[in-house]
């Protein structure tokens, strides 16, 4: 389930990061979003003894989101349209 959720995160992360220019901050935001999503997916297991399991889940979510971003989302027409709309342009079709 975690890896499937990670497949859907690149547009969300890109939407949040679209005005951030610092690469390190973008990475931090991506990791933070992945950890929050992992915690929400494992809400029934949230306690201090399962922190390592939730962190592993977060890494799976982050990893699958990064792979999806690099292989599909980064150069997709859908991303170009989204970025264009966020910037106020409507030229991409």
N, C-alpha and C. Protein backbone atom coordinates (compact mmCIF):
# COMPACT_ATOMS: atom_id res chain seq x y z
N UNK A 1 0.83 -1.20 0.00
CA UNK A 1 0.00 0.00 0.00
C UNK A 1 0.87 1.26 0.00
N UNK A 2 1.96 1.23 0.77
CA UNK A 2 2.82 2.41 0.87
C UNK A 2 3.41 2.80 -0.48
N UNK A 3 3.84 1.79 -1.25
CA UNK A 3 4.43 2.12 -2.54
C UNK A 3 3.38 2.63 -3.52
N UNK A 4 2.15 2.16 -3.41
CA UNK A 4 1.09 2.68 -4.28
C UNK A 4 0.75 4.12 -3.95
N UNK A 5 0.75 4.46 -2.69
CA UNK A 5 0.51 5.85 -2.29
C UNK A 5 1.65 6.73 -2.80
N UNK A 6 2.87 6.22 -2.72
CA UNK A 6 4.02 6.97 -3.22
C UNK A 6 3.92 7.29 -4.70
N UNK A 7 3.23 6.45 -5.46
CA UNK A 7 3.05 6.70 -6.89
C UNK A 7 2.19 7.93 -7.14
N UNK A 8 1.31 8.26 -6.22
CA UNK A 8 0.41 9.39 -6.39
C UNK A 8 0.96 10.70 -5.81
N UNK A 9 2.05 10.62 -5.07
CA UNK A 9 2.56 11.81 -4.39
C UNK A 9 3.30 12.84 -5.25
N UNK A 10 3.97 12.49 -6.34
CA UNK A 10 4.72 13.53 -7.07
C UNK A 10 3.92 14.78 -7.44
N UNK A 11 2.68 14.68 -7.93
CA UNK A 11 1.95 15.92 -8.20
C UNK A 11 1.69 16.76 -6.94
N UNK A 12 1.42 16.08 -5.84
CA UNK A 12 1.16 16.79 -4.58
C UNK A 12 2.43 17.49 -4.10
N UNK A 13 3.53 16.75 -4.10
CA UNK A 13 4.81 17.32 -3.67
C UNK A 13 5.22 18.46 -4.60
N UNK A 14 5.04 18.27 -5.89
CA UNK A 14 5.39 19.31 -6.87
C UNK A 14 4.53 20.55 -6.66
N UNK A 15 3.27 20.37 -6.36
CA UNK A 15 2.37 21.49 -6.10
C UNK A 15 2.83 22.29 -4.89
N UNK A 16 3.25 21.59 -3.85
CA UNK A 16 3.72 22.26 -2.63
C UNK A 16 5.08 22.92 -2.86
N UNK A 17 5.94 22.28 -3.63
CA UNK A 17 7.31 22.76 -3.84
C UNK A 17 7.46 23.74 -5.00
N UNK A 18 6.41 24.08 -5.70
CA UNK A 18 6.58 24.84 -6.94
C UNK A 18 7.20 26.23 -6.75
N UNK A 19 7.07 26.82 -5.59
CA UNK A 19 7.68 28.14 -5.36
C UNK A 19 8.99 28.08 -4.57
N UNK A 20 9.41 26.88 -4.22
CA UNK A 20 10.65 26.71 -3.45
C UNK A 20 11.80 26.57 -4.43
N UNK A 21 12.84 27.38 -4.26
CA UNK A 21 13.97 27.30 -5.18
C UNK A 21 15.16 26.55 -4.58
N UNK A 22 15.23 26.45 -3.28
CA UNK A 22 16.33 25.76 -2.61
C UNK A 22 16.15 24.25 -2.70
N UNK A 23 17.10 23.57 -3.32
CA UNK A 23 17.02 22.14 -3.52
C UNK A 23 16.98 21.35 -2.23
N UNK A 24 17.76 21.77 -1.24
CA UNK A 24 17.77 21.07 0.05
C UNK A 24 16.42 21.20 0.74
N UNK A 25 15.81 22.35 0.65
CA UNK A 25 14.49 22.56 1.25
C UNK A 25 13.43 21.72 0.54
N UNK A 26 13.53 21.63 -0.79
CA UNK A 26 12.61 20.78 -1.54
C UNK A 26 12.73 19.33 -1.09
N UNK A 27 13.95 18.87 -0.91
CA UNK A 27 14.17 17.50 -0.44
C UNK A 27 13.56 17.30 0.94
N UNK A 28 13.80 18.26 1.84
CA UNK A 28 13.25 18.17 3.19
C UNK A 28 11.73 18.11 3.16
N UNK A 29 11.11 18.95 2.34
CA UNK A 29 9.65 18.95 2.22
C UNK A 29 9.15 17.61 1.68
N UNK A 30 9.84 17.07 0.69
CA UNK A 30 9.45 15.78 0.12
C UNK A 30 9.53 14.66 1.15
N UNK A 31 10.60 14.64 1.91
CA UNK A 31 10.77 13.62 2.95
C UNK A 31 9.70 13.81 4.03
N UNK A 32 9.48 15.06 4.43
CA UNK A 32 8.49 15.33 5.48
C UNK A 32 7.09 14.89 5.04
N UNK A 33 6.72 15.19 3.81
CA UNK A 33 5.41 14.77 3.31
C UNK A 33 5.31 13.25 3.30
N UNK A 34 6.37 12.59 2.87
CA UNK A 34 6.38 11.12 2.83
C UNK A 34 6.24 10.53 4.23
N UNK A 35 6.92 11.12 5.21
CA UNK A 35 6.81 10.62 6.58
C UNK A 35 5.41 10.86 7.16
N UNK A 36 4.82 11.99 6.86
CA UNK A 36 3.46 12.27 7.33
C UNK A 36 2.47 11.29 6.71
N UNK A 37 2.61 11.04 5.42
CA UNK A 37 1.74 10.08 4.75
C UNK A 37 1.92 8.69 5.34
N UNK A 38 3.17 8.29 5.58
CA UNK A 38 3.44 6.98 6.19
C UNK A 38 2.82 6.90 7.58
N UNK A 39 2.92 7.97 8.35
CA UNK A 39 2.33 7.97 9.69
C UNK A 39 0.81 7.84 9.60
N UNK A 40 0.21 8.52 8.64
CA UNK A 40 -1.24 8.42 8.47
C UNK A 40 -1.66 7.02 8.02
N UNK A 41 -0.84 6.40 7.17
CA UNK A 41 -1.14 5.04 6.73
C UNK A 41 -1.01 4.03 7.86
N UNK A 42 -0.15 4.35 8.82
CA UNK A 42 0.09 3.44 9.94
C UNK A 42 -0.43 4.01 11.25
N UNK A 43 -1.51 4.76 11.17
CA UNK A 43 -2.03 5.45 12.35
C UNK A 43 -2.39 4.47 13.47
N UNK A 44 -2.76 3.27 13.11
CA UNK A 44 -3.10 2.27 14.12
C UNK A 44 -1.85 1.77 14.86
N UNK A 45 -0.68 1.99 14.29
CA UNK A 45 0.57 1.52 14.90
C UNK A 45 1.38 2.67 15.52
N UNK A 46 0.81 3.85 15.57
CA UNK A 46 1.55 5.02 16.06
C UNK A 46 1.84 4.92 17.55
N UNK A 47 3.04 4.59 17.87
CA UNK A 47 3.56 4.70 19.23
C UNK A 47 5.07 4.67 19.15
N UNK A 48 5.74 4.99 20.21
CA UNK A 48 7.18 5.15 20.19
C UNK A 48 7.91 3.85 19.86
N UNK A 49 7.32 2.70 20.19
CA UNK A 49 7.99 1.44 19.91
C UNK A 49 7.96 1.08 18.43
N UNK A 50 7.05 1.66 17.67
CA UNK A 50 6.97 1.37 16.24
C UNK A 50 7.52 2.50 15.37
N UNK A 51 8.29 3.39 15.94
CA UNK A 51 8.83 4.51 15.19
C UNK A 51 9.71 4.03 14.03
N UNK A 52 10.48 2.98 14.26
CA UNK A 52 11.35 2.46 13.21
C UNK A 52 10.52 1.92 12.04
N UNK A 53 9.43 1.24 12.34
CA UNK A 53 8.56 0.69 11.29
C UNK A 53 7.91 1.82 10.49
N UNK A 54 7.50 2.87 11.15
CA UNK A 54 6.88 4.00 10.45
C UNK A 54 7.92 4.73 9.61
N UNK A 55 9.15 4.83 10.13
CA UNK A 55 10.23 5.45 9.36
C UNK A 55 10.53 4.62 8.11
N UNK A 56 10.55 3.31 8.24
CA UNK A 56 10.77 2.44 7.07
C UNK A 56 9.65 2.63 6.06
N UNK A 57 8.43 2.73 6.54
CA UNK A 57 7.29 2.96 5.67
C UNK A 57 7.44 4.30 4.95
N UNK A 58 7.91 5.31 5.67
CA UNK A 58 8.14 6.62 5.07
C UNK A 58 9.20 6.57 3.99
N UNK A 59 10.23 5.76 4.20
CA UNK A 59 11.26 5.61 3.18
C UNK A 59 10.72 4.92 1.93
N UNK A 60 9.83 3.95 2.12
CA UNK A 60 9.20 3.29 0.97
C UNK A 60 8.34 4.29 0.19
N UNK A 61 7.56 5.08 0.91
CA UNK A 61 6.72 6.09 0.27
C UNK A 61 7.59 7.09 -0.47
N UNK A 62 8.64 7.58 0.19
CA UNK A 62 9.54 8.57 -0.43
C UNK A 62 10.23 7.97 -1.65
N UNK A 63 10.72 6.75 -1.52
CA UNK A 63 11.42 6.11 -2.63
C UNK A 63 10.52 5.91 -3.84
N UNK A 64 9.32 5.43 -3.61
CA UNK A 64 8.42 5.23 -4.75
C UNK A 64 7.98 6.56 -5.35
N UNK A 65 7.83 7.59 -4.52
CA UNK A 65 7.50 8.92 -5.04
C UNK A 65 8.63 9.47 -5.90
N UNK A 66 9.87 9.27 -5.46
CA UNK A 66 11.01 9.76 -6.22
C UNK A 66 11.17 9.02 -7.55
N UNK A 67 10.99 7.71 -7.51
CA UNK A 67 11.10 6.92 -8.74
C UNK A 67 10.01 7.36 -9.72
N UNK A 68 8.79 7.52 -9.24
CA UNK A 68 7.69 7.95 -10.09
C UNK A 68 7.96 9.34 -10.66
N UNK A 69 8.49 10.24 -9.82
CA UNK A 69 8.80 11.59 -10.29
C UNK A 69 9.84 11.54 -11.40
N UNK A 70 10.93 10.81 -11.18
CA UNK A 70 12.02 10.77 -12.16
C UNK A 70 11.62 10.07 -13.46
N UNK A 71 10.85 8.98 -13.35
CA UNK A 71 10.51 8.21 -14.54
C UNK A 71 9.30 8.74 -15.31
N UNK A 72 8.37 9.36 -14.61
CA UNK A 72 7.16 9.79 -15.30
C UNK A 72 6.86 11.28 -15.16
N UNK A 73 6.75 11.74 -13.93
CA UNK A 73 6.17 13.06 -13.68
C UNK A 73 7.05 14.21 -14.14
N UNK A 74 8.35 14.11 -13.97
CA UNK A 74 9.28 15.23 -14.24
C UNK A 74 9.13 15.78 -15.66
N UNK A 75 9.00 14.93 -16.64
CA UNK A 75 8.94 15.37 -18.04
C UNK A 75 7.56 15.18 -18.66
N UNK A 76 6.54 15.00 -17.84
CA UNK A 76 5.21 14.73 -18.38
C UNK A 76 4.48 16.00 -18.82
N UNK A 77 3.60 15.83 -19.74
CA UNK A 77 2.77 16.93 -20.22
C UNK A 77 1.82 17.41 -19.12
N UNK A 78 1.36 16.48 -18.28
CA UNK A 78 0.50 16.86 -17.16
C UNK A 78 1.22 17.82 -16.21
N UNK A 79 2.49 17.55 -15.93
CA UNK A 79 3.26 18.44 -15.06
C UNK A 79 3.44 19.80 -15.71
N UNK A 80 3.73 19.82 -17.01
CA UNK A 80 3.90 21.08 -17.71
C UNK A 80 2.63 21.91 -17.64
N UNK A 81 1.49 21.25 -17.79
CA UNK A 81 0.21 21.96 -17.69
C UNK A 81 -0.01 22.53 -16.28
N UNK A 82 0.31 21.71 -15.26
CA UNK A 82 0.11 22.15 -13.89
C UNK A 82 1.00 23.35 -13.58
N UNK A 83 2.27 23.26 -13.95
CA UNK A 83 3.21 24.36 -13.69
C UNK A 83 2.77 25.60 -14.45
N UNK A 84 2.31 25.43 -15.68
CA UNK A 84 1.84 26.55 -16.47
C UNK A 84 0.66 27.25 -15.79
N UNK A 85 -0.28 26.47 -15.29
CA UNK A 85 -1.43 27.06 -14.60
C UNK A 85 -1.02 27.76 -13.31
N UNK A 86 -0.05 27.17 -12.59
CA UNK A 86 0.42 27.79 -11.36
C UNK A 86 1.13 29.11 -11.62
N UNK A 87 1.75 29.21 -12.79
CA UNK A 87 2.46 30.42 -13.14
C UNK A 87 1.56 31.43 -13.86
N UNK A 88 0.33 31.03 -14.12
CA UNK A 88 -0.62 31.96 -14.76
C UNK A 88 -0.63 31.87 -16.27
N UNK A 89 0.12 30.95 -16.85
CA UNK A 89 0.15 30.77 -18.30
C UNK A 89 -0.84 29.68 -18.69
N UNK A 90 -1.41 29.80 -19.86
CA UNK A 90 -2.32 28.76 -20.34
C UNK A 90 -1.96 28.34 -21.76
N UNK A 91 -0.68 28.45 -22.14
CA UNK A 91 -0.24 28.16 -23.49
C UNK A 91 -0.04 26.68 -23.77
N UNK A 92 0.24 25.86 -22.76
CA UNK A 92 0.52 24.43 -22.96
C UNK A 92 -0.79 23.72 -23.29
N UNK A 93 -0.78 22.90 -24.34
CA UNK A 93 -1.99 22.13 -24.68
C UNK A 93 -1.65 20.70 -25.02
